[in-house]
Amino acid sequence: MSFSEQEVRELTDTFPGAEEASEGGVRYFLLPSLAMPEGREPSLVDALLCPTARDGYPSRLFLAQRVHGGRGSNWNASVRILECNWYALSWRVNPNLRLIQMVAAHLEAFR
């Protein structure tokens, strides 16, 4: 899936420090210190957005550590990507969203 420069810029403007990366032909977006919904621990966590299909999901939002609170209790992934360990919930979002909308949809799992 291809993303326009404008869509990528929208993501990097919204999340300071965001960077693109790739591994094994898969495109990722690193989102440092992503703010979790209120009352979640930790309140900030590094995240890695995989905006394309992976592991049977249309997209994945991987987190550097497990976040406690909200609906997100079905942690089903522990993977190593870009030389870091990441965790992800079993959570599906619409694959036809803009990158910024995709992040917001994934964060709904923690509300």
N, C-alpha and C. Protein backbone atom coordinates (compact mmCIF):
# COMPACT_ATOMS: atom_id res chain seq x y z
N MET A 1 0.84 -1.17 0.00
CA MET A 1 0.00 0.00 0.00
C MET A 1 0.89 1.24 0.00
N SER A 2 0.49 2.21 -0.76
CA SER A 2 1.27 3.43 -0.90
C SER A 2 0.60 4.57 -0.14
N PHE A 3 1.40 5.38 0.48
CA PHE A 3 0.90 6.53 1.23
C PHE A 3 1.50 7.79 0.63
N SER A 4 0.67 8.81 0.47
CA SER A 4 1.14 10.05 -0.13
C SER A 4 2.10 10.76 0.81
N GLU A 5 2.93 11.63 0.23
CA GLU A 5 3.84 12.43 1.05
C GLU A 5 3.06 13.28 2.04
N GLN A 6 1.90 13.79 1.60
CA GLN A 6 1.07 14.62 2.47
C GLN A 6 0.58 13.81 3.68
N GLU A 7 0.19 12.57 3.44
CA GLU A 7 -0.29 11.71 4.53
C GLU A 7 0.83 11.39 5.52
N VAL A 8 2.01 11.11 5.00
CA VAL A 8 3.16 10.84 5.87
C VAL A 8 3.53 12.10 6.65
N ARG A 9 3.51 13.25 5.98
CA ARG A 9 3.82 14.53 6.65
C ARG A 9 2.80 14.82 7.75
N GLU A 10 1.53 14.51 7.50
CA GLU A 10 0.49 14.70 8.51
C GLU A 10 0.82 13.87 9.77
N LEU A 11 1.29 12.65 9.56
CA LEU A 11 1.65 11.79 10.68
C LEU A 11 2.86 12.34 11.42
N THR A 12 3.90 12.73 10.68
CA THR A 12 5.12 13.23 11.33
C THR A 12 4.90 14.59 11.98
N ASP A 13 3.99 15.40 11.46
CA ASP A 13 3.68 16.69 12.09
C ASP A 13 2.89 16.49 13.38
N THR A 14 2.04 15.47 13.42
CA THR A 14 1.21 15.21 14.59
C THR A 14 1.99 14.55 15.71
N PHE A 15 2.93 13.70 15.34
CA PHE A 15 3.73 12.97 16.34
C PHE A 15 5.19 13.38 16.20
N PRO A 16 5.62 14.37 17.00
CA PRO A 16 6.99 14.85 16.92
C PRO A 16 7.99 13.70 17.09
N GLY A 17 9.00 13.71 16.25
CA GLY A 17 10.03 12.68 16.31
C GLY A 17 9.70 11.43 15.52
N ALA A 18 8.51 11.38 14.91
CA ALA A 18 8.13 10.20 14.14
C ALA A 18 9.10 9.99 12.98
N GLU A 19 9.40 8.73 12.72
CA GLU A 19 10.34 8.38 11.65
C GLU A 19 9.83 7.17 10.88
N GLU A 20 10.18 7.12 9.61
CA GLU A 20 9.89 5.95 8.80
C GLU A 20 11.05 4.97 8.91
N ALA A 21 10.72 3.69 8.81
CA ALA A 21 11.74 2.65 8.81
C ALA A 21 11.18 1.47 8.02
N SER A 22 12.06 0.60 7.59
CA SER A 22 11.59 -0.60 6.92
C SER A 22 12.48 -1.77 7.30
N GLU A 23 11.87 -2.94 7.26
CA GLU A 23 12.59 -4.17 7.55
C GLU A 23 11.92 -5.29 6.76
N GLY A 24 12.69 -6.02 6.03
CA GLY A 24 12.15 -7.12 5.24
C GLY A 24 11.10 -6.68 4.24
N GLY A 25 11.24 -5.46 3.71
CA GLY A 25 10.29 -4.96 2.73
C GLY A 25 9.00 -4.43 3.32
N VAL A 26 8.91 -4.38 4.65
CA VAL A 26 7.72 -3.87 5.34
C VAL A 26 8.01 -2.46 5.84
N ARG A 27 7.10 -1.56 5.59
CA ARG A 27 7.25 -0.15 5.99
C ARG A 27 6.62 0.05 7.37
N TYR A 28 7.35 0.74 8.25
CA TYR A 28 6.89 1.03 9.61
C TYR A 28 7.05 2.53 9.87
N PHE A 29 6.33 2.98 10.88
CA PHE A 29 6.47 4.35 11.36
C PHE A 29 6.69 4.29 12.87
N LEU A 30 7.86 4.75 13.30
CA LEU A 30 8.18 4.80 14.72
C LEU A 30 7.59 6.08 15.29
N LEU A 31 6.81 5.94 16.36
CA LEU A 31 6.17 7.06 17.02
C LEU A 31 6.67 7.11 18.47
N PRO A 32 7.73 7.88 18.72
CA PRO A 32 8.28 7.93 20.08
C PRO A 32 7.35 8.65 21.06
N SER A 33 7.29 8.13 22.25
CA SER A 33 6.51 8.73 23.35
C SER A 33 5.06 9.01 22.95
N LEU A 34 4.42 8.00 22.39
CA LEU A 34 3.00 8.12 22.03
C LEU A 34 2.17 8.23 23.29
N ALA A 35 1.31 9.23 23.36
CA ALA A 35 0.46 9.43 24.53
C ALA A 35 -0.69 8.42 24.53
N MET A 36 -0.81 7.71 25.62
CA MET A 36 -1.90 6.76 25.80
C MET A 36 -3.13 7.51 26.35
N PRO A 37 -4.31 6.95 26.18
CA PRO A 37 -5.49 7.58 26.77
C PRO A 37 -5.33 7.77 28.28
N GLU A 38 -6.03 8.73 28.81
CA GLU A 38 -5.92 9.09 30.23
C GLU A 38 -6.14 7.88 31.14
N GLY A 39 -5.32 7.80 32.17
CA GLY A 39 -5.45 6.74 33.17
C GLY A 39 -4.73 5.45 32.81
N ARG A 40 -4.00 5.43 31.73
CA ARG A 40 -3.29 4.22 31.33
C ARG A 40 -1.85 4.30 31.79
N GLU A 41 -1.29 3.15 32.10
CA GLU A 41 0.10 3.07 32.55
C GLU A 41 0.89 2.16 31.65
N PRO A 42 2.00 2.62 31.14
CA PRO A 42 2.52 3.98 31.23
C PRO A 42 1.69 4.94 30.39
N SER A 43 1.83 6.21 30.68
CA SER A 43 1.06 7.22 29.95
C SER A 43 1.70 7.56 28.60
N LEU A 44 2.98 7.33 28.47
CA LEU A 44 3.72 7.52 27.22
C LEU A 44 4.47 6.24 26.90
N VAL A 45 4.43 5.83 25.65
CA VAL A 45 5.13 4.61 25.26
C VAL A 45 5.56 4.73 23.79
N ASP A 46 6.75 4.24 23.48
CA ASP A 46 7.17 4.22 22.09
C ASP A 46 6.29 3.23 21.34
N ALA A 47 5.89 3.61 20.12
CA ALA A 47 5.01 2.77 19.32
C ALA A 47 5.58 2.61 17.92
N LEU A 48 5.17 1.54 17.27
CA LEU A 48 5.59 1.24 15.91
C LEU A 48 4.35 0.88 15.12
N LEU A 49 3.98 1.74 14.18
CA LEU A 49 2.82 1.49 13.35
C LEU A 49 3.23 0.70 12.11
N CYS A 50 2.57 -0.42 11.90
CA CYS A 50 2.72 -1.18 10.67
C CYS A 50 1.39 -0.98 9.93
N PRO A 51 1.35 -0.09 8.93
CA PRO A 51 0.09 0.28 8.31
C PRO A 51 -0.40 -0.70 7.25
N THR A 52 0.31 -1.79 7.07
CA THR A 52 -0.09 -2.80 6.09
C THR A 52 -0.35 -4.13 6.78
N ALA A 53 -0.93 -5.04 6.05
CA ALA A 53 -1.31 -6.34 6.62
C ALA A 53 -0.10 -7.08 7.19
N ARG A 54 -0.31 -7.63 8.38
CA ARG A 54 0.74 -8.40 9.05
C ARG A 54 0.08 -9.29 10.10
N ASP A 55 0.52 -10.51 10.20
CA ASP A 55 0.05 -11.45 11.23
C ASP A 55 -1.47 -11.67 11.19
N GLY A 56 -2.07 -11.55 10.02
CA GLY A 56 -3.50 -11.76 9.90
C GLY A 56 -4.35 -10.54 10.24
N TYR A 57 -3.71 -9.40 10.46
CA TYR A 57 -4.41 -8.14 10.76
C TYR A 57 -4.16 -7.15 9.63
N PRO A 58 -5.13 -6.27 9.34
CA PRO A 58 -4.92 -5.30 8.26
C PRO A 58 -3.84 -4.27 8.59
N SER A 59 -3.60 -4.02 9.86
CA SER A 59 -2.52 -3.15 10.33
C SER A 59 -2.26 -3.52 11.78
N ARG A 60 -1.11 -3.08 12.29
CA ARG A 60 -0.79 -3.35 13.70
C ARG A 60 -0.15 -2.11 14.31
N LEU A 61 -0.43 -1.92 15.58
CA LEU A 61 0.27 -0.89 16.36
C LEU A 61 1.02 -1.64 17.45
N PHE A 62 2.33 -1.68 17.31
CA PHE A 62 3.18 -2.35 18.29
C PHE A 62 3.63 -1.33 19.33
N LEU A 63 3.75 -1.77 20.57
CA LEU A 63 4.19 -0.90 21.66
C LEU A 63 5.44 -1.48 22.29
N ALA A 64 6.31 -0.61 22.78
CA ALA A 64 7.56 -1.04 23.38
C ALA A 64 7.33 -1.74 24.72
N GLN A 65 6.17 -1.50 25.33
CA GLN A 65 5.82 -2.19 26.57
C GLN A 65 4.31 -2.30 26.66
N ARG A 66 3.86 -3.24 27.47
CA ARG A 66 2.43 -3.43 27.63
C ARG A 66 1.84 -2.27 28.43
N VAL A 67 0.67 -1.84 28.01
CA VAL A 67 -0.03 -0.74 28.65
C VAL A 67 -1.20 -1.34 29.44
N HIS A 68 -1.38 -0.87 30.65
CA HIS A 68 -2.43 -1.41 31.51
C HIS A 68 -3.63 -0.47 31.56
N GLY A 69 -4.81 -1.05 31.48
CA GLY A 69 -6.05 -0.28 31.55
C GLY A 69 -6.77 -0.29 30.21
N GLY A 70 -8.05 0.01 30.24
CA GLY A 70 -8.85 0.04 29.02
C GLY A 70 -9.25 -1.36 28.60
N ARG A 71 -9.81 -1.44 27.41
CA ARG A 71 -10.27 -2.73 26.89
C ARG A 71 -9.12 -3.62 26.48
N GLY A 72 -7.98 -3.02 26.21
CA GLY A 72 -6.86 -3.75 25.66
C GLY A 72 -6.24 -4.74 26.62
N SER A 73 -6.78 -5.93 26.70
CA SER A 73 -6.19 -6.91 27.60
C SER A 73 -5.76 -8.16 26.86
N ASN A 74 -6.06 -8.25 25.58
CA ASN A 74 -5.70 -9.44 24.81
C ASN A 74 -4.40 -9.21 24.06
N TRP A 75 -3.31 -9.23 24.78
CA TRP A 75 -1.97 -9.08 24.17
C TRP A 75 -1.66 -10.39 23.47
N ASN A 76 -1.49 -10.35 22.16
CA ASN A 76 -1.27 -11.59 21.44
C ASN A 76 -0.01 -11.59 20.59
N ALA A 77 0.81 -10.57 20.71
CA ALA A 77 2.03 -10.53 19.90
C ALA A 77 3.20 -10.05 20.74
N SER A 78 4.28 -10.74 20.59
CA SER A 78 5.56 -10.33 21.15
C SER A 78 6.56 -10.62 20.04
N VAL A 79 7.03 -9.56 19.39
CA VAL A 79 7.86 -9.73 18.20
C VAL A 79 9.12 -8.86 18.29
N ARG A 80 10.06 -9.18 17.46
CA ARG A 80 11.28 -8.37 17.37
C ARG A 80 11.30 -7.74 15.98
N ILE A 81 11.28 -6.42 15.95
CA ILE A 81 11.29 -5.65 14.71
C ILE A 81 12.29 -4.52 14.89
N LEU A 82 13.10 -4.30 13.88
CA LEU A 82 14.09 -3.22 13.91
C LEU A 82 14.96 -3.28 15.17
N GLU A 83 15.34 -4.49 15.53
CA GLU A 83 16.23 -4.75 16.66
C GLU A 83 15.65 -4.34 18.01
N CYS A 84 14.32 -4.29 18.11
CA CYS A 84 13.64 -3.98 19.38
C CYS A 84 12.52 -4.98 19.60
N ASN A 85 12.17 -5.19 20.86
CA ASN A 85 11.03 -6.04 21.19
C ASN A 85 9.77 -5.19 21.24
N TRP A 86 8.67 -5.72 20.67
CA TRP A 86 7.41 -5.00 20.59
C TRP A 86 6.26 -5.92 20.99
N TYR A 87 5.17 -5.30 21.49
CA TYR A 87 3.98 -6.02 21.91
C TYR A 87 2.78 -5.44 21.18
N ALA A 88 1.78 -6.28 20.94
CA ALA A 88 0.57 -5.79 20.26
C ALA A 88 -0.65 -6.53 20.78
N LEU A 89 -1.76 -5.83 20.69
CA LEU A 89 -3.06 -6.38 21.07
C LEU A 89 -3.72 -7.05 19.88
N SER A 90 -4.67 -7.89 20.17
CA SER A 90 -5.56 -8.41 19.14
C SER A 90 -6.62 -7.33 18.93
N TRP A 91 -6.45 -6.53 17.88
CA TRP A 91 -7.33 -5.39 17.63
C TRP A 91 -7.32 -5.08 16.15
N ARG A 92 -8.47 -5.06 15.54
CA ARG A 92 -8.58 -4.80 14.10
C ARG A 92 -9.13 -3.42 13.84
N VAL A 93 -8.56 -2.76 12.84
CA VAL A 93 -9.08 -1.46 12.41
C VAL A 93 -9.30 -1.50 10.90
N ASN A 94 -10.11 -0.59 10.43
CA ASN A 94 -10.41 -0.46 9.00
C ASN A 94 -9.11 -0.20 8.24
N PRO A 95 -8.82 -0.99 7.22
CA PRO A 95 -7.56 -0.80 6.49
C PRO A 95 -7.57 0.41 5.54
N ASN A 96 -8.72 1.04 5.36
CA ASN A 96 -8.82 2.15 4.40
C ASN A 96 -8.72 3.52 5.07
N LEU A 97 -8.06 3.60 6.20
CA LEU A 97 -7.91 4.86 6.92
C LEU A 97 -6.61 5.54 6.53
N ARG A 98 -6.57 6.85 6.74
CA ARG A 98 -5.31 7.59 6.61
C ARG A 98 -4.42 7.17 7.79
N LEU A 99 -3.13 7.36 7.67
CA LEU A 99 -2.21 6.94 8.72
C LEU A 99 -2.60 7.50 10.09
N ILE A 100 -2.90 8.79 10.13
CA ILE A 100 -3.24 9.43 11.40
C ILE A 100 -4.52 8.84 12.00
N GLN A 101 -5.48 8.50 11.14
CA GLN A 101 -6.73 7.88 11.59
C GLN A 101 -6.47 6.46 12.08
N MET A 102 -5.53 5.78 11.43
CA MET A 102 -5.18 4.42 11.82
C MET A 102 -4.62 4.37 13.25
N VAL A 103 -3.76 5.33 13.57
CA VAL A 103 -3.20 5.39 14.93
C VAL A 103 -4.33 5.61 15.93
N ALA A 104 -5.22 6.57 15.64
CA ALA A 104 -6.34 6.86 16.54
C ALA A 104 -7.23 5.63 16.71
N ALA A 105 -7.48 4.91 15.64
CA ALA A 105 -8.34 3.72 15.72
C ALA A 105 -7.68 2.64 16.59
N HIS A 106 -6.38 2.48 16.48
CA HIS A 106 -5.67 1.50 17.30
C HIS A 106 -5.71 1.91 18.78
N LEU A 107 -5.63 3.20 19.05
CA LEU A 107 -5.65 3.67 20.43
C LEU A 107 -7.01 3.46 21.11
N GLU A 108 -8.05 3.26 20.31
CA GLU A 108 -9.37 2.98 20.89
C GLU A 108 -9.35 1.72 21.75
N ALA A 109 -8.44 0.82 21.50
CA ALA A 109 -8.33 -0.40 22.29
C ALA A 109 -8.00 -0.10 23.74
N PHE A 110 -7.48 1.09 24.01
CA PHE A 110 -7.06 1.45 25.36
C PHE A 110 -8.02 2.41 26.06
N ARG A 111 -9.16 2.67 25.47
CA ARG A 111 -10.14 3.57 26.09
C ARG A 111 -11.07 2.82 27.00
